[in-house]
């Protein structure tokens, strides 16, 4: 079960789990807590034309979960979104990254 985030508005804060991180072939130690995270719409994505990529610097770290992407796309359109790596953990087989997002009015 994944929270779709439909009712989250500014001002607000939420923690997102990065989807697909383990498929990006990134050294987990290269992603540090407090690193700023950017969101990039990927309409050309062959698997999901509504995909939202998450990046730390120029490096893709994964995606917003499909069940949350519409809410996050709405945030990006209507609010100022500040995002940072909050936590890096998990196991070598299933690494996890959590991103803290703060929404404020524009």
N, C-alpha and C. Protein backbone atom coordinates (compact mmCIF):
# COMPACT_ATOMS: atom_id res chain seq x y z
N UNK A 1 0.84 -1.17 0.00
CA UNK A 1 0.00 0.00 0.00
C UNK A 1 0.89 1.25 0.00
N UNK A 2 0.63 2.18 -0.89
CA UNK A 2 1.40 3.41 -0.99
C UNK A 2 0.44 4.59 -0.89
N UNK A 3 0.79 5.54 -0.05
CA UNK A 3 0.00 6.75 0.14
C UNK A 3 0.09 7.59 -1.13
N UNK A 4 -1.05 7.91 -1.78
CA UNK A 4 -1.00 8.65 -3.04
C UNK A 4 -0.70 10.14 -2.89
N UNK A 5 -0.71 10.69 -1.68
CA UNK A 5 -0.34 12.08 -1.39
C UNK A 5 -1.31 13.12 -1.94
N UNK A 6 -2.50 12.71 -2.36
CA UNK A 6 -3.46 13.62 -2.98
C UNK A 6 -3.81 14.83 -2.12
N UNK A 7 -3.85 14.66 -0.81
CA UNK A 7 -4.30 15.76 0.06
C UNK A 7 -3.16 16.64 0.57
N UNK A 8 -1.91 16.37 0.16
CA UNK A 8 -0.78 17.17 0.63
C UNK A 8 -0.71 18.46 -0.19
N UNK A 9 -0.75 19.59 0.53
CA UNK A 9 -0.66 20.90 -0.11
C UNK A 9 0.33 21.76 0.66
N UNK A 10 0.61 22.94 0.12
CA UNK A 10 1.52 23.87 0.81
C UNK A 10 0.74 24.70 1.81
N UNK A 11 1.30 25.03 2.93
CA UNK A 11 2.60 24.55 3.37
C UNK A 11 2.50 23.10 3.84
N UNK A 12 3.49 22.32 3.55
CA UNK A 12 3.47 20.93 3.95
C UNK A 12 4.84 20.29 3.82
N UNK A 13 4.97 19.15 4.48
CA UNK A 13 6.21 18.37 4.44
C UNK A 13 5.85 16.91 4.28
N UNK A 14 6.66 16.19 3.54
CA UNK A 14 6.41 14.77 3.33
C UNK A 14 7.73 14.07 3.03
N UNK A 15 7.78 12.79 3.34
CA UNK A 15 8.95 11.96 3.10
C UNK A 15 8.61 10.98 1.98
N UNK A 16 9.41 10.97 0.92
CA UNK A 16 9.20 10.07 -0.21
C UNK A 16 10.29 9.01 -0.26
N UNK A 17 9.91 7.79 -0.58
CA UNK A 17 10.90 6.75 -0.85
C UNK A 17 11.20 6.79 -2.34
N UNK A 18 12.47 6.79 -2.70
CA UNK A 18 12.88 6.80 -4.10
C UNK A 18 12.62 5.42 -4.69
N UNK A 19 11.91 5.38 -5.81
CA UNK A 19 11.62 4.12 -6.48
C UNK A 19 12.71 3.82 -7.51
N UNK A 20 13.06 2.56 -7.63
CA UNK A 20 13.98 2.13 -8.67
C UNK A 20 15.44 2.46 -8.46
N UNK A 21 15.81 2.88 -7.26
CA UNK A 21 17.20 3.25 -7.02
C UNK A 21 18.14 2.09 -7.34
N UNK A 22 17.79 0.90 -6.93
CA UNK A 22 18.72 -0.22 -7.08
C UNK A 22 18.97 -0.59 -8.54
N UNK A 23 18.17 -0.06 -9.47
CA UNK A 23 18.36 -0.35 -10.89
C UNK A 23 19.22 0.71 -11.59
N UNK A 24 19.68 1.72 -10.86
CA UNK A 24 20.42 2.83 -11.47
C UNK A 24 21.93 2.61 -11.47
N UNK A 25 22.42 1.53 -10.87
CA UNK A 25 23.86 1.24 -10.83
C UNK A 25 24.67 2.40 -10.24
N UNK A 26 24.20 2.94 -9.14
CA UNK A 26 24.87 4.04 -8.46
C UNK A 26 25.45 3.50 -7.16
N UNK A 27 26.66 3.92 -6.88
CA UNK A 27 27.29 3.56 -5.61
C UNK A 27 26.51 4.25 -4.49
N UNK A 28 25.95 3.47 -3.58
CA UNK A 28 25.14 4.02 -2.49
C UNK A 28 25.90 5.06 -1.68
N UNK A 29 27.22 4.89 -1.57
CA UNK A 29 28.00 5.84 -0.79
C UNK A 29 28.11 7.20 -1.50
N UNK A 30 27.75 7.27 -2.77
CA UNK A 30 27.80 8.53 -3.52
C UNK A 30 26.61 9.43 -3.23
N UNK A 31 25.61 8.90 -2.54
CA UNK A 31 24.41 9.68 -2.21
C UNK A 31 24.48 10.02 -0.73
N UNK A 32 24.61 11.30 -0.42
CA UNK A 32 24.79 11.71 0.97
C UNK A 32 23.55 12.39 1.54
N UNK A 33 23.36 12.21 2.83
CA UNK A 33 22.27 12.87 3.54
C UNK A 33 22.43 14.38 3.40
N UNK A 34 21.33 15.07 3.23
CA UNK A 34 21.23 16.52 3.04
C UNK A 34 21.56 16.99 1.63
N UNK A 35 21.90 16.09 0.71
CA UNK A 35 22.14 16.50 -0.67
C UNK A 35 20.82 16.98 -1.29
N UNK A 36 20.83 18.11 -1.99
CA UNK A 36 19.61 18.59 -2.64
C UNK A 36 19.16 17.62 -3.73
N UNK A 37 17.86 17.47 -3.86
CA UNK A 37 17.27 16.57 -4.85
C UNK A 37 16.42 17.39 -5.82
N UNK A 38 16.60 17.13 -7.10
CA UNK A 38 15.80 17.78 -8.13
C UNK A 38 14.82 16.79 -8.74
N UNK A 39 13.72 17.33 -9.26
CA UNK A 39 12.70 16.51 -9.92
C UNK A 39 12.65 16.91 -11.39
N UNK A 40 12.63 15.91 -12.28
CA UNK A 40 12.62 16.17 -13.72
C UNK A 40 11.51 15.33 -14.35
N UNK A 41 10.60 16.00 -15.04
CA UNK A 41 9.55 15.27 -15.77
C UNK A 41 10.20 14.56 -16.95
N UNK A 42 9.74 13.33 -17.24
CA UNK A 42 10.29 12.54 -18.34
C UNK A 42 9.19 12.11 -19.31
N UNK A 43 8.61 13.05 -20.07
CA UNK A 43 7.54 12.66 -21.00
C UNK A 43 8.02 11.70 -22.09
N UNK A 44 9.34 11.64 -22.33
CA UNK A 44 9.89 10.74 -23.35
C UNK A 44 10.21 9.35 -22.80
N UNK A 45 9.91 9.10 -21.51
CA UNK A 45 10.21 7.81 -20.89
C UNK A 45 9.40 6.71 -21.59
N UNK A 46 10.08 5.70 -22.09
CA UNK A 46 9.44 4.62 -22.86
C UNK A 46 8.48 3.77 -22.03
N UNK A 47 8.70 3.72 -20.71
CA UNK A 47 7.87 2.88 -19.84
C UNK A 47 6.72 3.65 -19.20
N UNK A 48 6.89 4.96 -19.04
CA UNK A 48 5.88 5.76 -18.34
C UNK A 48 6.06 7.23 -18.74
N UNK A 49 5.19 7.74 -19.61
CA UNK A 49 5.36 9.11 -20.08
C UNK A 49 5.01 10.17 -19.03
N UNK A 50 4.59 9.74 -17.84
CA UNK A 50 4.35 10.65 -16.73
C UNK A 50 5.42 10.51 -15.64
N UNK A 51 6.48 9.79 -15.95
CA UNK A 51 7.55 9.52 -14.97
C UNK A 51 8.18 10.83 -14.49
N UNK A 52 8.56 10.83 -13.20
CA UNK A 52 9.28 11.96 -12.62
C UNK A 52 10.58 11.42 -12.04
N UNK A 53 11.68 11.83 -12.65
CA UNK A 53 13.01 11.39 -12.25
C UNK A 53 13.49 12.22 -11.06
N UNK A 54 14.21 11.60 -10.14
CA UNK A 54 14.85 12.30 -9.03
C UNK A 54 16.35 12.31 -9.29
N UNK A 55 16.96 13.47 -9.06
CA UNK A 55 18.39 13.62 -9.30
C UNK A 55 19.08 14.25 -8.10
N UNK A 56 20.31 13.82 -7.87
CA UNK A 56 21.22 14.49 -6.93
C UNK A 56 22.34 15.01 -7.81
N UNK A 57 22.41 16.34 -7.95
CA UNK A 57 23.34 16.91 -8.92
C UNK A 57 22.93 16.44 -10.30
N UNK A 58 23.88 16.04 -11.12
CA UNK A 58 23.53 15.56 -12.46
C UNK A 58 23.18 14.07 -12.50
N UNK A 59 23.22 13.40 -11.35
CA UNK A 59 23.06 11.95 -11.31
C UNK A 59 21.63 11.53 -10.97
N UNK A 60 21.05 10.71 -11.83
CA UNK A 60 19.73 10.16 -11.57
C UNK A 60 19.83 9.16 -10.42
N UNK A 61 18.93 9.28 -9.43
CA UNK A 61 18.94 8.32 -8.33
C UNK A 61 17.72 7.41 -8.37
N UNK A 62 16.71 7.75 -9.16
CA UNK A 62 15.52 6.93 -9.25
C UNK A 62 14.32 7.78 -9.63
N UNK A 63 13.14 7.32 -9.22
CA UNK A 63 11.90 7.95 -9.64
C UNK A 63 10.91 8.12 -8.49
N UNK A 64 9.95 9.00 -8.71
CA UNK A 64 8.79 9.10 -7.82
C UNK A 64 7.92 7.87 -8.12
N UNK A 65 7.39 7.25 -7.08
CA UNK A 65 6.53 6.08 -7.27
C UNK A 65 5.33 6.45 -8.14
N UNK A 66 4.91 5.52 -8.99
CA UNK A 66 3.79 5.77 -9.91
C UNK A 66 2.53 6.24 -9.21
N UNK A 67 2.26 5.67 -8.05
CA UNK A 67 1.04 6.04 -7.33
C UNK A 67 1.12 7.44 -6.74
N UNK A 68 2.32 8.04 -6.71
CA UNK A 68 2.50 9.37 -6.14
C UNK A 68 2.86 10.43 -7.18
N UNK A 69 3.12 10.01 -8.40
CA UNK A 69 3.63 10.93 -9.41
C UNK A 69 2.66 12.04 -9.78
N UNK A 70 1.35 11.78 -9.82
CA UNK A 70 0.39 12.83 -10.17
C UNK A 70 0.38 13.93 -9.11
N UNK A 71 0.44 13.53 -7.84
CA UNK A 71 0.48 14.52 -6.76
C UNK A 71 1.76 15.33 -6.83
N UNK A 72 2.89 14.67 -7.06
CA UNK A 72 4.17 15.37 -7.13
C UNK A 72 4.21 16.29 -8.35
N UNK A 73 3.67 15.86 -9.47
CA UNK A 73 3.60 16.73 -10.66
C UNK A 73 2.78 17.97 -10.35
N UNK A 74 1.70 17.80 -9.60
CA UNK A 74 0.87 18.94 -9.19
C UNK A 74 1.66 19.89 -8.30
N UNK A 75 2.44 19.34 -7.37
CA UNK A 75 3.28 20.18 -6.51
C UNK A 75 4.24 21.01 -7.34
N UNK A 76 4.88 20.36 -8.30
CA UNK A 76 5.89 21.05 -9.12
C UNK A 76 5.27 22.18 -9.93
N UNK A 77 4.00 22.04 -10.27
CA UNK A 77 3.30 23.07 -11.03
C UNK A 77 2.84 24.23 -10.15
N UNK A 78 2.40 23.92 -8.93
CA UNK A 78 1.73 24.93 -8.11
C UNK A 78 2.51 25.45 -6.91
N UNK A 79 3.57 24.77 -6.50
CA UNK A 79 4.28 25.14 -5.28
C UNK A 79 5.78 25.21 -5.52
N UNK A 80 6.45 25.80 -4.58
CA UNK A 80 7.91 25.71 -4.53
C UNK A 80 8.22 24.45 -3.74
N UNK A 81 9.01 23.54 -4.31
CA UNK A 81 9.34 22.27 -3.66
C UNK A 81 10.84 22.24 -3.38
N UNK A 82 11.19 22.17 -2.10
CA UNK A 82 12.57 21.98 -1.68
C UNK A 82 12.71 20.52 -1.28
N UNK A 83 13.72 19.83 -1.78
CA UNK A 83 13.87 18.41 -1.47
C UNK A 83 15.33 18.08 -1.18
N UNK A 84 15.52 17.22 -0.21
CA UNK A 84 16.85 16.80 0.23
C UNK A 84 16.84 15.32 0.56
N UNK A 85 17.99 14.66 0.39
CA UNK A 85 18.13 13.28 0.85
C UNK A 85 18.04 13.29 2.37
N UNK A 86 17.10 12.56 2.90
CA UNK A 86 16.89 12.50 4.34
C UNK A 86 17.59 11.29 4.95
N UNK A 87 17.53 10.16 4.24
CA UNK A 87 18.07 8.92 4.82
C UNK A 87 18.50 7.98 3.70
N UNK A 88 19.61 7.31 3.92
CA UNK A 88 20.11 6.28 3.01
C UNK A 88 20.32 5.04 3.86
N UNK A 89 19.59 3.98 3.54
CA UNK A 89 19.75 2.75 4.32
C UNK A 89 19.27 1.56 3.51
N UNK A 90 18.83 0.53 4.17
CA UNK A 90 18.42 -0.69 3.50
C UNK A 90 19.53 -1.71 3.57
N UNK A 91 19.50 -2.63 2.63
CA UNK A 91 20.50 -3.69 2.56
C UNK A 91 21.19 -3.60 1.20
N UNK A 92 22.33 -4.28 1.03
CA UNK A 92 22.97 -4.27 -0.29
C UNK A 92 22.05 -4.79 -1.39
N UNK A 93 21.17 -5.74 -1.06
CA UNK A 93 20.24 -6.28 -2.04
C UNK A 93 19.06 -5.34 -2.30
N UNK A 94 18.70 -4.56 -1.30
CA UNK A 94 17.56 -3.64 -1.42
C UNK A 94 17.88 -2.32 -0.74
N UNK A 95 18.74 -1.50 -1.39
CA UNK A 95 19.06 -0.20 -0.82
C UNK A 95 17.85 0.72 -0.87
N UNK A 96 17.77 1.62 0.09
CA UNK A 96 16.64 2.56 0.17
C UNK A 96 17.16 3.98 0.32
N UNK A 97 16.48 4.90 -0.34
CA UNK A 97 16.76 6.32 -0.19
C UNK A 97 15.44 7.00 0.10
N UNK A 98 15.43 7.88 1.09
CA UNK A 98 14.24 8.66 1.42
C UNK A 98 14.55 10.14 1.21
N UNK A 99 13.61 10.83 0.60
CA UNK A 99 13.77 12.25 0.28
C UNK A 99 12.73 13.05 1.05
N UNK A 100 13.20 14.04 1.78
CA UNK A 100 12.34 14.96 2.52
C UNK A 100 11.95 16.11 1.59
N UNK A 101 10.66 16.37 1.49
CA UNK A 101 10.16 17.45 0.63
C UNK A 101 9.41 18.46 1.46
N UNK A 102 9.71 19.73 1.25
CA UNK A 102 8.98 20.83 1.90
C UNK A 102 8.30 21.64 0.80
N UNK A 103 6.98 21.79 0.92
CA UNK A 103 6.20 22.55 -0.05
C UNK A 103 5.84 23.90 0.54
N UNK A 104 6.07 24.95 -0.23
CA UNK A 104 5.67 26.29 0.19
C UNK A 104 4.98 26.97 -0.99
N UNK A 105 4.19 27.97 -0.68
CA UNK A 105 3.52 28.73 -1.75
C UNK A 105 4.54 29.50 -2.54
N UNK A 106 4.25 29.73 -3.78
CA UNK A 106 5.14 30.53 -4.64
C UNK A 106 4.92 31.99 -4.41
